[in-house]
Amino acid sequence: MGNVIVIGVAGGTGSGKTTLVNRLKEEFNNEVVTISHDHYYKSNDHLPLEERKKLNYDHPNAFDTALMVSHIKRLKNGESIDRPSYSFVEHTRTKETVHITPAKVIIVEGILIFENKELLSLMDIKIFVDTDADVRLIRRLLRDVKERGRDLDSVINQYLTTVKPMHEEFVEPSKKNADVIIPEGGFNSVALSMIIDKIKTFLSHE
C-alpha cells in the first residue's frame, strides 16, 4: 500500500501518552490506526485471578511483544489484523478480538515500546512523553480506581513494588532511543503542532 509511517509514543504510566495519541487521531481520522502495547499483555489464564493480580505487569516479559511486532509488520504490508483485547479487571485476555484495517499512519503506544529493539526498528518517529513522577502517580491512581475498579491500597502497593522500580529500570533508560522528548504530551500544543505538520508533510508526498 505504498509508504506507511509508524510513530511510536512511549513514556511512563500516566505521562499523557493517550492524550497525545487521541489528539493525533482527531486530526487525521481514518488515516490513522493505533496499536497499544497494553492490548498485548500475556493471557496468564492458567493462573487463578488472585495469582494474576500479583504478577509484575510493568516488566517487558509481561507482554507478547512478538505478536505485536508481527501485527505491525502485517499492517505495514497492507494486511488487516485481529488484535487481542485485554481485561484489566480480570487480568487476562478476553475472547473477543478487534479487527483493524491498514492505514497510512500507524501509531504504536506503550510504556515499554522503546525497550524492545525489534519494535524500535519498525518506527519512523519515536516520541517520548516526559512528565513529573508525582503527576503520573496521581493520574494512575485516578485511572485505576475509577476506570479499572481497583482499591486505593492495591494501586499504591503495585506502584511502589513494581511500577516505580520497573520505570527506573526499563522505561526511563529507553528515553535515549527517542527522536523527540515532549513534556506533558498532548497538552504541549507547540510540540503537537510540529508532529502534526511532520505527518501532513509525509502524507502530502504520497
N, C-alpha and C. Protein backbone atom coordinates (compact mmCIF):
# COMPACT_ATOMS: atom_id res chain seq x y z
N MET A 1 0.83 -1.21 0.00
CA MET A 1 0.00 0.00 0.00
C MET A 1 0.87 1.26 0.00
N GLY A 2 2.07 1.16 -0.53
CA GLY A 2 2.95 2.31 -0.56
C GLY A 2 3.59 2.56 0.78
N ASN A 3 4.16 3.76 0.92
CA ASN A 3 4.85 4.08 2.16
C ASN A 3 3.86 4.22 3.32
N VAL A 4 4.26 3.67 4.47
CA VAL A 4 3.48 3.78 5.70
C VAL A 4 4.41 4.34 6.76
N ILE A 5 3.92 5.30 7.53
CA ILE A 5 4.73 5.88 8.61
C ILE A 5 4.27 5.29 9.94
N VAL A 6 5.25 4.83 10.73
CA VAL A 6 4.97 4.26 12.05
C VAL A 6 5.52 5.20 13.11
N ILE A 7 4.64 5.64 14.00
CA ILE A 7 5.01 6.59 15.05
C ILE A 7 4.90 5.90 16.40
N GLY A 8 5.98 5.88 17.14
CA GLY A 8 5.98 5.30 18.47
C GLY A 8 5.79 6.38 19.53
N VAL A 9 4.89 6.15 20.47
CA VAL A 9 4.66 7.09 21.57
C VAL A 9 4.86 6.33 22.88
N ALA A 10 5.95 6.64 23.56
CA ALA A 10 6.29 5.97 24.82
C ALA A 10 6.33 6.98 25.96
N GLY A 11 6.53 6.47 27.17
CA GLY A 11 6.58 7.31 28.36
C GLY A 11 6.03 6.54 29.54
N GLY A 12 6.26 7.03 30.72
CA GLY A 12 5.82 6.34 31.92
C GLY A 12 4.31 6.29 32.06
N THR A 13 3.84 5.45 32.97
CA THR A 13 2.42 5.35 33.24
C THR A 13 1.87 6.71 33.65
N GLY A 14 0.74 7.12 33.06
CA GLY A 14 0.12 8.39 33.41
C GLY A 14 0.84 9.61 32.87
N SER A 15 1.72 9.42 31.90
CA SER A 15 2.52 10.55 31.40
C SER A 15 1.74 11.44 30.44
N GLY A 16 0.67 10.93 29.83
CA GLY A 16 -0.08 11.70 28.85
C GLY A 16 0.02 11.15 27.44
N LYS A 17 0.48 9.90 27.33
CA LYS A 17 0.61 9.26 26.01
C LYS A 17 -0.74 9.19 25.30
N THR A 18 -1.75 8.74 26.04
CA THR A 18 -3.07 8.54 25.43
C THR A 18 -3.65 9.86 24.95
N THR A 19 -3.45 10.93 25.70
CA THR A 19 -3.93 12.25 25.29
C THR A 19 -3.28 12.67 23.98
N LEU A 20 -1.99 12.46 23.87
CA LEU A 20 -1.27 12.79 22.64
C LEU A 20 -1.80 11.96 21.47
N VAL A 21 -1.94 10.67 21.69
CA VAL A 21 -2.44 9.78 20.63
C VAL A 21 -3.84 10.19 20.20
N ASN A 22 -4.71 10.52 21.16
CA ASN A 22 -6.08 10.92 20.83
C ASN A 22 -6.12 12.21 20.02
N ARG A 23 -5.23 13.14 20.32
CA ARG A 23 -5.17 14.39 19.55
C ARG A 23 -4.77 14.10 18.10
N LEU A 24 -3.84 13.18 17.91
CA LEU A 24 -3.41 12.82 16.56
C LEU A 24 -4.54 12.10 15.81
N LYS A 25 -5.27 11.25 16.51
CA LYS A 25 -6.39 10.54 15.89
C LYS A 25 -7.48 11.53 15.46
N GLU A 26 -7.73 12.54 16.30
CA GLU A 26 -8.73 13.55 15.96
C GLU A 26 -8.31 14.32 14.70
N GLU A 27 -7.02 14.54 14.57
CA GLU A 27 -6.51 15.33 13.44
C GLU A 27 -6.58 14.57 12.12
N PHE A 28 -6.28 13.26 12.18
CA PHE A 28 -6.13 12.51 10.93
C PHE A 28 -7.23 11.47 10.68
N ASN A 29 -8.14 11.31 11.60
CA ASN A 29 -9.31 10.45 11.43
C ASN A 29 -8.96 9.07 10.88
N ASN A 30 -9.52 8.72 9.71
CA ASN A 30 -9.37 7.36 9.19
C ASN A 30 -8.02 7.09 8.55
N GLU A 31 -7.12 8.08 8.57
CA GLU A 31 -5.77 7.85 8.04
C GLU A 31 -4.85 7.24 9.10
N VAL A 32 -5.37 7.06 10.32
CA VAL A 32 -4.57 6.60 11.45
C VAL A 32 -5.16 5.33 12.06
N VAL A 33 -4.28 4.38 12.39
CA VAL A 33 -4.68 3.27 13.26
C VAL A 33 -3.74 3.27 14.47
N THR A 34 -4.26 2.84 15.60
CA THR A 34 -3.49 2.85 16.84
C THR A 34 -3.34 1.44 17.38
N ILE A 35 -2.13 1.10 17.76
CA ILE A 35 -1.84 -0.19 18.37
C ILE A 35 -1.23 0.06 19.74
N SER A 36 -1.90 -0.39 20.80
CA SER A 36 -1.40 -0.19 22.16
C SER A 36 -0.76 -1.47 22.68
N HIS A 37 0.41 -1.32 23.28
CA HIS A 37 1.11 -2.46 23.88
C HIS A 37 0.24 -3.13 24.96
N ASP A 38 -0.59 -2.34 25.63
CA ASP A 38 -1.44 -2.87 26.71
C ASP A 38 -2.37 -3.99 26.23
N HIS A 39 -2.74 -3.96 24.96
CA HIS A 39 -3.62 -5.00 24.43
C HIS A 39 -2.89 -6.33 24.27
N TYR A 40 -1.57 -6.29 24.35
CA TYR A 40 -0.77 -7.48 24.09
C TYR A 40 -0.18 -8.09 25.37
N TYR A 41 -0.79 -7.78 26.51
CA TYR A 41 -0.41 -8.49 27.73
C TYR A 41 -0.64 -9.98 27.54
N LYS A 42 0.24 -10.78 28.07
CA LYS A 42 0.04 -12.23 28.02
C LYS A 42 -1.21 -12.60 28.82
N SER A 43 -1.88 -13.65 28.39
CA SER A 43 -3.18 -14.01 28.97
C SER A 43 -3.07 -14.51 30.41
N ASN A 44 -2.12 -15.40 30.67
CA ASN A 44 -1.94 -16.00 32.01
C ASN A 44 -3.23 -16.61 32.54
N ASP A 45 -4.07 -17.12 31.62
CA ASP A 45 -5.35 -17.68 32.07
C ASP A 45 -5.21 -19.04 32.74
N HIS A 46 -4.00 -19.55 32.79
CA HIS A 46 -3.76 -20.80 33.52
C HIS A 46 -3.66 -20.55 35.03
N LEU A 47 -3.56 -19.26 35.41
CA LEU A 47 -3.45 -18.89 36.82
C LEU A 47 -4.79 -18.40 37.35
N PRO A 48 -5.11 -18.64 38.63
CA PRO A 48 -6.33 -18.07 39.22
C PRO A 48 -6.20 -16.55 39.33
N LEU A 49 -7.33 -15.87 39.43
CA LEU A 49 -7.36 -14.41 39.45
C LEU A 49 -6.45 -13.83 40.52
N GLU A 50 -6.49 -14.38 41.72
CA GLU A 50 -5.68 -13.83 42.81
C GLU A 50 -4.19 -13.90 42.51
N GLU A 51 -3.78 -14.94 41.77
CA GLU A 51 -2.37 -15.05 41.38
C GLU A 51 -2.05 -14.06 40.26
N ARG A 52 -3.00 -13.89 39.34
CA ARG A 52 -2.77 -12.94 38.24
C ARG A 52 -2.62 -11.52 38.76
N LYS A 53 -3.34 -11.20 39.82
CA LYS A 53 -3.26 -9.85 40.40
C LYS A 53 -1.86 -9.53 40.91
N LYS A 54 -1.11 -10.57 41.29
CA LYS A 54 0.21 -10.37 41.91
C LYS A 54 1.35 -10.27 40.89
N LEU A 55 1.05 -10.51 39.62
CA LEU A 55 2.11 -10.52 38.61
C LEU A 55 2.67 -9.12 38.36
N ASN A 56 3.88 -9.06 37.86
CA ASN A 56 4.53 -7.80 37.53
C ASN A 56 4.15 -7.42 36.09
N TYR A 57 3.25 -6.46 35.97
CA TYR A 57 2.76 -6.06 34.65
C TYR A 57 3.56 -4.91 34.04
N ASP A 58 4.64 -4.53 34.67
CA ASP A 58 5.46 -3.43 34.17
C ASP A 58 6.83 -3.91 33.70
N HIS A 59 6.99 -5.23 33.59
CA HIS A 59 8.23 -5.82 33.08
C HIS A 59 8.03 -6.20 31.63
N PRO A 60 9.06 -6.09 30.79
CA PRO A 60 8.92 -6.46 29.37
C PRO A 60 8.37 -7.87 29.15
N ASN A 61 8.66 -8.80 30.06
CA ASN A 61 8.21 -10.18 29.90
C ASN A 61 6.70 -10.36 30.07
N ALA A 62 6.02 -9.30 30.55
CA ALA A 62 4.57 -9.39 30.74
C ALA A 62 3.81 -9.30 29.41
N PHE A 63 4.52 -8.91 28.35
CA PHE A 63 3.87 -8.65 27.07
C PHE A 63 4.22 -9.71 26.02
N ASP A 64 3.27 -9.97 25.13
CA ASP A 64 3.52 -10.79 23.95
C ASP A 64 3.96 -9.84 22.83
N THR A 65 5.16 -9.32 22.98
CA THR A 65 5.66 -8.32 22.04
C THR A 65 5.90 -8.91 20.66
N ALA A 66 6.24 -10.18 20.59
CA ALA A 66 6.46 -10.82 19.28
C ALA A 66 5.19 -10.77 18.44
N LEU A 67 4.04 -10.99 19.06
CA LEU A 67 2.77 -10.91 18.34
C LEU A 67 2.51 -9.49 17.86
N MET A 68 2.82 -8.52 18.71
CA MET A 68 2.63 -7.12 18.34
C MET A 68 3.51 -6.76 17.15
N VAL A 69 4.75 -7.20 17.17
CA VAL A 69 5.68 -6.93 16.07
C VAL A 69 5.13 -7.51 14.77
N SER A 70 4.64 -8.74 14.82
CA SER A 70 4.11 -9.38 13.61
C SER A 70 2.88 -8.64 13.10
N HIS A 71 2.06 -8.12 14.01
CA HIS A 71 0.87 -7.38 13.60
C HIS A 71 1.24 -6.06 12.93
N ILE A 72 2.23 -5.36 13.48
CA ILE A 72 2.66 -4.09 12.87
C ILE A 72 3.24 -4.35 11.48
N LYS A 73 4.01 -5.40 11.34
CA LYS A 73 4.57 -5.74 10.02
C LYS A 73 3.46 -6.02 9.02
N ARG A 74 2.44 -6.72 9.46
CA ARG A 74 1.31 -7.02 8.56
C ARG A 74 0.57 -5.75 8.15
N LEU A 75 0.34 -4.85 9.10
CA LEU A 75 -0.31 -3.58 8.78
C LEU A 75 0.52 -2.77 7.79
N LYS A 76 1.84 -2.77 7.98
CA LYS A 76 2.73 -2.05 7.06
C LYS A 76 2.66 -2.64 5.66
N ASN A 77 2.40 -3.94 5.58
CA ASN A 77 2.29 -4.61 4.29
C ASN A 77 0.90 -4.52 3.68
N GLY A 78 0.01 -3.77 4.35
CA GLY A 78 -1.33 -3.60 3.81
C GLY A 78 -2.31 -4.68 4.18
N GLU A 79 -1.98 -5.49 5.19
CA GLU A 79 -2.85 -6.58 5.62
C GLU A 79 -3.61 -6.19 6.89
N SER A 80 -4.83 -6.68 7.01
CA SER A 80 -5.62 -6.45 8.23
C SER A 80 -5.16 -7.40 9.33
N ILE A 81 -5.46 -7.04 10.58
CA ILE A 81 -5.13 -7.89 11.73
C ILE A 81 -6.34 -8.00 12.65
N ASP A 82 -6.31 -8.99 13.52
CA ASP A 82 -7.28 -9.12 14.60
C ASP A 82 -6.49 -9.07 15.91
N ARG A 83 -6.43 -7.89 16.49
CA ARG A 83 -5.62 -7.72 17.68
C ARG A 83 -6.35 -8.22 18.92
N PRO A 84 -5.61 -8.70 19.91
CA PRO A 84 -6.24 -9.18 21.14
C PRO A 84 -6.86 -8.05 21.96
N SER A 85 -7.78 -8.41 22.84
CA SER A 85 -8.35 -7.48 23.82
C SER A 85 -7.99 -7.98 25.21
N TYR A 86 -7.82 -7.06 26.13
CA TYR A 86 -7.38 -7.43 27.47
C TYR A 86 -8.27 -6.80 28.52
N SER A 87 -8.63 -7.57 29.53
CA SER A 87 -9.44 -7.07 30.65
C SER A 87 -8.53 -6.73 31.82
N PHE A 88 -8.52 -5.47 32.22
CA PHE A 88 -7.71 -5.04 33.36
C PHE A 88 -8.41 -5.32 34.68
N VAL A 89 -9.66 -5.76 34.60
CA VAL A 89 -10.39 -6.18 35.80
C VAL A 89 -10.08 -7.64 36.11
N GLU A 90 -10.12 -8.48 35.05
CA GLU A 90 -9.86 -9.91 35.20
C GLU A 90 -8.38 -10.27 35.02
N HIS A 91 -7.59 -9.31 34.57
CA HIS A 91 -6.15 -9.53 34.34
C HIS A 91 -5.89 -10.70 33.39
N THR A 92 -6.64 -10.70 32.31
CA THR A 92 -6.43 -11.74 31.29
C THR A 92 -7.04 -11.26 29.99
N ARG A 93 -6.71 -11.94 28.90
CA ARG A 93 -7.31 -11.60 27.61
C ARG A 93 -8.77 -12.03 27.57
N THR A 94 -9.55 -11.27 26.84
CA THR A 94 -10.94 -11.65 26.62
C THR A 94 -11.02 -12.54 25.37
N LYS A 95 -12.17 -13.11 25.12
CA LYS A 95 -12.35 -13.96 23.95
C LYS A 95 -12.48 -13.13 22.67
N GLU A 96 -12.86 -11.86 22.82
CA GLU A 96 -13.05 -11.01 21.66
C GLU A 96 -11.72 -10.49 21.11
N THR A 97 -11.69 -10.25 19.81
CA THR A 97 -10.57 -9.57 19.17
C THR A 97 -11.13 -8.36 18.43
N VAL A 98 -10.24 -7.44 18.06
CA VAL A 98 -10.65 -6.23 17.34
C VAL A 98 -10.02 -6.25 15.96
N HIS A 99 -10.86 -6.15 14.93
CA HIS A 99 -10.38 -6.17 13.56
C HIS A 99 -9.86 -4.78 13.19
N ILE A 100 -8.63 -4.71 12.73
CA ILE A 100 -8.01 -3.44 12.36
C ILE A 100 -7.54 -3.52 10.92
N THR A 101 -7.98 -2.55 10.13
CA THR A 101 -7.56 -2.48 8.73
C THR A 101 -6.37 -1.52 8.60
N PRO A 102 -5.52 -1.73 7.59
CA PRO A 102 -4.31 -0.91 7.47
C PRO A 102 -4.61 0.56 7.16
N ALA A 103 -3.66 1.43 7.50
CA ALA A 103 -3.76 2.85 7.21
C ALA A 103 -2.36 3.40 6.96
N LYS A 104 -2.31 4.62 6.46
CA LYS A 104 -1.02 5.23 6.13
C LYS A 104 -0.19 5.58 7.37
N VAL A 105 -0.89 5.86 8.48
CA VAL A 105 -0.21 6.24 9.73
C VAL A 105 -0.54 5.21 10.80
N ILE A 106 0.49 4.57 11.34
CA ILE A 106 0.32 3.60 12.42
C ILE A 106 0.95 4.19 13.68
N ILE A 107 0.14 4.36 14.72
CA ILE A 107 0.66 4.87 15.99
C ILE A 107 0.77 3.71 16.97
N VAL A 108 1.97 3.49 17.48
CA VAL A 108 2.24 2.43 18.45
C VAL A 108 2.46 3.09 19.80
N GLU A 109 1.72 2.63 20.82
CA GLU A 109 1.75 3.32 22.11
C GLU A 109 2.00 2.34 23.24
N GLY A 110 2.83 2.74 24.23
CA GLY A 110 3.06 1.89 25.39
C GLY A 110 4.24 2.36 26.21
N ILE A 111 4.31 1.89 27.46
CA ILE A 111 5.38 2.34 28.35
C ILE A 111 6.74 1.74 27.96
N LEU A 112 6.72 0.56 27.35
CA LEU A 112 7.97 -0.17 27.13
C LEU A 112 8.31 -0.39 25.66
N ILE A 113 7.66 0.33 24.76
CA ILE A 113 7.88 0.06 23.34
C ILE A 113 9.27 0.48 22.86
N PHE A 114 9.94 1.38 23.58
CA PHE A 114 11.30 1.77 23.17
C PHE A 114 12.36 0.87 23.81
N GLU A 115 11.91 -0.07 24.63
CA GLU A 115 12.84 -1.00 25.28
C GLU A 115 13.16 -2.17 24.36
N ASN A 116 12.27 -2.46 23.40
CA ASN A 116 12.42 -3.61 22.53
C ASN A 116 13.03 -3.21 21.19
N LYS A 117 14.16 -3.81 20.84
CA LYS A 117 14.90 -3.41 19.64
C LYS A 117 14.12 -3.70 18.36
N GLU A 118 13.40 -4.81 18.33
CA GLU A 118 12.65 -5.15 17.11
C GLU A 118 11.50 -4.17 16.89
N LEU A 119 10.83 -3.78 17.97
CA LEU A 119 9.79 -2.77 17.85
C LEU A 119 10.37 -1.45 17.37
N LEU A 120 11.49 -1.06 17.97
CA LEU A 120 12.15 0.20 17.59
C LEU A 120 12.46 0.24 16.10
N SER A 121 12.90 -0.89 15.57
CA SER A 121 13.32 -0.93 14.16
C SER A 121 12.16 -0.68 13.20
N LEU A 122 10.93 -0.83 13.68
CA LEU A 122 9.75 -0.62 12.82
C LEU A 122 9.27 0.83 12.82
N MET A 123 9.81 1.66 13.72
CA MET A 123 9.28 3.02 13.91
C MET A 123 10.08 4.05 13.12
N ASP A 124 9.32 4.98 12.51
CA ASP A 124 9.93 6.08 11.76
C ASP A 124 10.13 7.32 12.63
N ILE A 125 9.21 7.52 13.57
CA ILE A 125 9.30 8.64 14.51
C ILE A 125 9.07 8.09 15.91
N LYS A 126 9.97 8.41 16.84
CA LYS A 126 9.87 7.90 18.21
C LYS A 126 9.72 9.08 19.17
N ILE A 127 8.56 9.14 19.83
CA ILE A 127 8.23 10.25 20.72
C ILE A 127 8.15 9.74 22.16
N PHE A 128 8.86 10.39 23.05
CA PHE A 128 8.79 10.05 24.48
C PHE A 128 8.09 11.18 25.22
N VAL A 129 7.02 10.83 25.92
CA VAL A 129 6.26 11.82 26.70
C VAL A 129 6.83 11.85 28.12
N ASP A 130 7.34 12.99 28.51
CA ASP A 130 8.06 13.12 29.78
C ASP A 130 7.25 13.97 30.75
N THR A 131 6.84 13.37 31.87
CA THR A 131 6.00 14.06 32.85
C THR A 131 6.50 13.74 34.25
N ASP A 132 6.40 14.70 35.16
CA ASP A 132 6.87 14.51 36.53
C ASP A 132 6.23 13.29 37.18
N ALA A 133 7.01 12.61 38.02
CA ALA A 133 6.55 11.37 38.63
C ALA A 133 5.32 11.56 39.50
N ASP A 134 5.22 12.67 40.23
CA ASP A 134 4.07 12.86 41.11
C ASP A 134 2.79 13.04 40.31
N VAL A 135 2.89 13.72 39.18
CA VAL A 135 1.72 13.90 38.30
C VAL A 135 1.30 12.56 37.72
N ARG A 136 2.26 11.76 37.31
CA ARG A 136 1.96 10.45 36.74
C ARG A 136 1.29 9.53 37.77
N LEU A 137 1.78 9.59 39.00
CA LEU A 137 1.18 8.75 40.06
C LEU A 137 -0.27 9.13 40.30
N ILE A 138 -0.56 10.42 40.40
CA ILE A 138 -1.93 10.87 40.64
C ILE A 138 -2.85 10.42 39.51
N ARG A 139 -2.37 10.57 38.27
CA ARG A 139 -3.19 10.15 37.12
C ARG A 139 -3.44 8.65 37.14
N ARG A 140 -2.43 7.88 37.51
CA ARG A 140 -2.60 6.43 37.56
C ARG A 140 -3.59 6.04 38.66
N LEU A 141 -3.49 6.68 39.81
CA LEU A 141 -4.42 6.41 40.90
C LEU A 141 -5.87 6.64 40.46
N LEU A 142 -6.10 7.79 39.84
CA LEU A 142 -7.45 8.12 39.40
C LEU A 142 -7.95 7.13 38.36
N ARG A 143 -7.09 6.78 37.41
CA ARG A 143 -7.49 5.86 36.34
C ARG A 143 -7.82 4.48 36.89
N ASP A 144 -6.92 3.94 37.71
CA ASP A 144 -7.10 2.57 38.19
C ASP A 144 -8.29 2.43 39.13
N VAL A 145 -8.55 3.45 39.93
CA VAL A 145 -9.68 3.40 40.87
C VAL A 145 -11.00 3.61 40.13
N LYS A 146 -11.04 4.64 39.25
CA LYS A 146 -12.29 5.00 38.59
C LYS A 146 -12.63 4.07 37.42
N GLU A 147 -11.62 3.74 36.61
CA GLU A 147 -11.89 3.01 35.36
C GLU A 147 -11.68 1.50 35.48
N ARG A 148 -10.82 1.08 36.40
CA ARG A 148 -10.48 -0.33 36.46
C ARG A 148 -10.93 -1.01 37.75
N GLY A 149 -11.69 -0.29 38.57
CA GLY A 149 -12.30 -0.89 39.74
C GLY A 149 -11.32 -1.33 40.82
N ARG A 150 -10.14 -0.71 40.87
CA ARG A 150 -9.14 -1.10 41.86
C ARG A 150 -9.36 -0.31 43.14
N ASP A 151 -8.89 -0.85 44.28
CA ASP A 151 -8.93 -0.07 45.51
C ASP A 151 -7.60 0.66 45.69
N LEU A 152 -7.65 1.74 46.45
CA LEU A 152 -6.51 2.65 46.57
C LEU A 152 -5.25 1.95 47.09
N ASP A 153 -5.41 1.12 48.10
CA ASP A 153 -4.26 0.44 48.69
C ASP A 153 -3.54 -0.45 47.68
N SER A 154 -4.31 -1.17 46.86
CA SER A 154 -3.67 -2.08 45.90
C SER A 154 -2.94 -1.30 44.82
N VAL A 155 -3.48 -0.15 44.42
CA VAL A 155 -2.82 0.66 43.39
C VAL A 155 -1.50 1.22 43.92
N ILE A 156 -1.53 1.73 45.15
CA ILE A 156 -0.31 2.28 45.75
C ILE A 156 0.74 1.19 45.97
N ASN A 157 0.30 0.03 46.43
CA ASN A 157 1.22 -1.08 46.64
C ASN A 157 1.87 -1.52 45.33
N GLN A 158 1.06 -1.61 44.28
CA GLN A 158 1.60 -2.00 42.98
C GLN A 158 2.60 -0.95 42.47
N TYR A 159 2.27 0.31 42.68
CA TYR A 159 3.16 1.39 42.22
C TYR A 159 4.52 1.29 42.89
N LEU A 160 4.52 1.06 44.18
CA LEU A 160 5.78 1.03 44.93
C LEU A 160 6.59 -0.24 44.68
N THR A 161 5.91 -1.36 44.45
CA THR A 161 6.62 -2.64 44.33
C THR A 161 7.05 -2.97 42.91
N THR A 162 6.26 -2.55 41.91
CA THR A 162 6.62 -2.89 40.52
C THR A 162 6.67 -1.69 39.58
N VAL A 163 5.67 -0.80 39.63
CA VAL A 163 5.61 0.28 38.64
C VAL A 163 6.82 1.20 38.73
N LYS A 164 7.10 1.71 39.92
CA LYS A 164 8.23 2.64 40.08
C LYS A 164 9.58 1.97 39.79
N PRO A 165 9.86 0.78 40.37
CA PRO A 165 11.14 0.14 40.06
C PRO A 165 11.30 -0.21 38.57
N MET A 166 10.24 -0.66 37.93
CA MET A 166 10.32 -1.00 36.50
C MET A 166 10.49 0.25 35.63
N HIS A 167 9.87 1.35 36.07
CA HIS A 167 10.05 2.61 35.35
C HIS A 167 11.53 3.00 35.37
N GLU A 168 12.13 2.89 36.56
CA GLU A 168 13.52 3.28 36.70
C GLU A 168 14.47 2.34 35.96
N GLU A 169 14.09 1.04 35.90
CA GLU A 169 14.96 0.06 35.26
C GLU A 169 14.81 0.02 33.74
N PHE A 170 13.59 0.19 33.24
CA PHE A 170 13.33 -0.01 31.81
C PHE A 170 12.82 1.22 31.07
N VAL A 171 11.83 1.91 31.64
CA VAL A 171 11.17 2.99 30.90
C VAL A 171 12.08 4.21 30.77
N GLU A 172 12.58 4.69 31.89
CA GLU A 172 13.43 5.89 31.86
C GLU A 172 14.67 5.71 30.98
N PRO A 173 15.39 4.59 31.09
CA PRO A 173 16.55 4.40 30.21
C PRO A 173 16.19 4.35 28.72
N SER A 174 14.97 3.90 28.40
CA SER A 174 14.58 3.80 26.99
C SER A 174 14.36 5.17 26.35
N LYS A 175 14.31 6.21 27.16
CA LYS A 175 14.12 7.57 26.64
C LYS A 175 15.23 7.95 25.68
N LYS A 176 16.40 7.37 25.86
CA LYS A 176 17.54 7.69 24.98
C LYS A 176 17.29 7.26 23.54
N ASN A 177 16.33 6.37 23.33
CA ASN A 177 16.02 5.89 21.98
C ASN A 177 15.02 6.80 21.25
N ALA A 178 14.52 7.82 21.93
CA ALA A 178 13.52 8.70 21.32
C ALA A 178 14.16 9.70 20.37
N ASP A 179 13.39 10.07 19.34
CA ASP A 179 13.80 11.16 18.45
C ASP A 179 13.39 12.50 19.04
N VAL A 180 12.24 12.50 19.73
CA VAL A 180 11.68 13.72 20.30
C VAL A 180 11.20 13.42 21.72
N ILE A 181 11.52 14.32 22.66
CA ILE A 181 11.02 14.20 24.03
C ILE A 181 10.07 15.37 24.28
N ILE A 182 8.83 15.04 24.65
CA ILE A 182 7.79 16.05 24.80
C ILE A 182 7.32 16.12 26.25
N PRO A 183 7.55 17.24 26.93
CA PRO A 183 6.97 17.39 28.26
C PRO A 183 5.44 17.52 28.14
N GLU A 184 4.72 16.76 28.95
CA GLU A 184 3.26 16.87 29.08
C GLU A 184 2.46 16.39 27.88
N GLY A 185 3.08 15.72 26.94
CA GLY A 185 2.35 15.03 25.87
C GLY A 185 1.37 15.87 25.10
N GLY A 186 0.12 15.40 25.03
CA GLY A 186 -0.91 16.05 24.23
C GLY A 186 -1.29 17.44 24.70
N PHE A 187 -0.87 17.81 25.90
CA PHE A 187 -1.15 19.16 26.39
C PHE A 187 -0.09 20.16 25.93
N ASN A 188 0.96 19.68 25.28
CA ASN A 188 2.02 20.54 24.76
C ASN A 188 1.66 20.92 23.33
N SER A 189 0.98 22.04 23.17
CA SER A 189 0.41 22.42 21.87
C SER A 189 1.47 22.69 20.82
N VAL A 190 2.61 23.24 21.23
CA VAL A 190 3.68 23.54 20.27
C VAL A 190 4.25 22.25 19.69
N ALA A 191 4.59 21.32 20.57
CA ALA A 191 5.13 20.04 20.12
C ALA A 191 4.11 19.28 19.29
N LEU A 192 2.85 19.32 19.70
CA LEU A 192 1.79 18.62 18.97
C LEU A 192 1.67 19.17 17.55
N SER A 193 1.73 20.48 17.40
CA SER A 193 1.64 21.10 16.08
C SER A 193 2.81 20.66 15.19
N MET A 194 3.99 20.56 15.76
CA MET A 194 5.16 20.14 14.99
C MET A 194 5.00 18.70 14.50
N ILE A 195 4.47 17.83 15.35
CA ILE A 195 4.27 16.42 14.96
C ILE A 195 3.21 16.32 13.87
N ILE A 196 2.13 17.07 14.04
CA ILE A 196 1.05 17.07 13.03
C ILE A 196 1.59 17.54 11.68
N ASP A 197 2.40 18.59 11.69
CA ASP A 197 2.98 19.10 10.44
C ASP A 197 3.88 18.05 9.78
N LYS A 198 4.64 17.34 10.59
CA LYS A 198 5.52 16.30 10.07
C LYS A 198 4.71 15.19 9.39
N ILE A 199 3.62 14.78 10.01
CA ILE A 199 2.78 13.73 9.43
C ILE A 199 2.11 14.24 8.15
N LYS A 200 1.62 15.48 8.17
CA LYS A 200 0.98 16.04 6.99
C LYS A 200 1.96 16.11 5.82
N THR A 201 3.20 16.47 6.11
CA THR A 201 4.22 16.51 5.06
C THR A 201 4.43 15.13 4.46
N PHE A 202 4.49 14.13 5.31
CA PHE A 202 4.66 12.76 4.83
C PHE A 202 3.50 12.35 3.94
N LEU A 203 2.26 12.62 4.40
CA LEU A 203 1.09 12.21 3.66
C LEU A 203 0.94 12.96 2.34
N SER A 204 1.38 14.21 2.32
CA SER A 204 1.26 15.01 1.09
C SER A 204 2.18 14.55 -0.01
N HIS A 205 3.21 13.79 0.33
CA HIS A 205 4.17 13.28 -0.65
C HIS A 205 3.76 11.92 -1.18
N GLU A 206 2.61 11.43 -0.74
CA GLU A 206 2.16 10.12 -1.22
C GLU A 206 1.49 10.24 -2.58
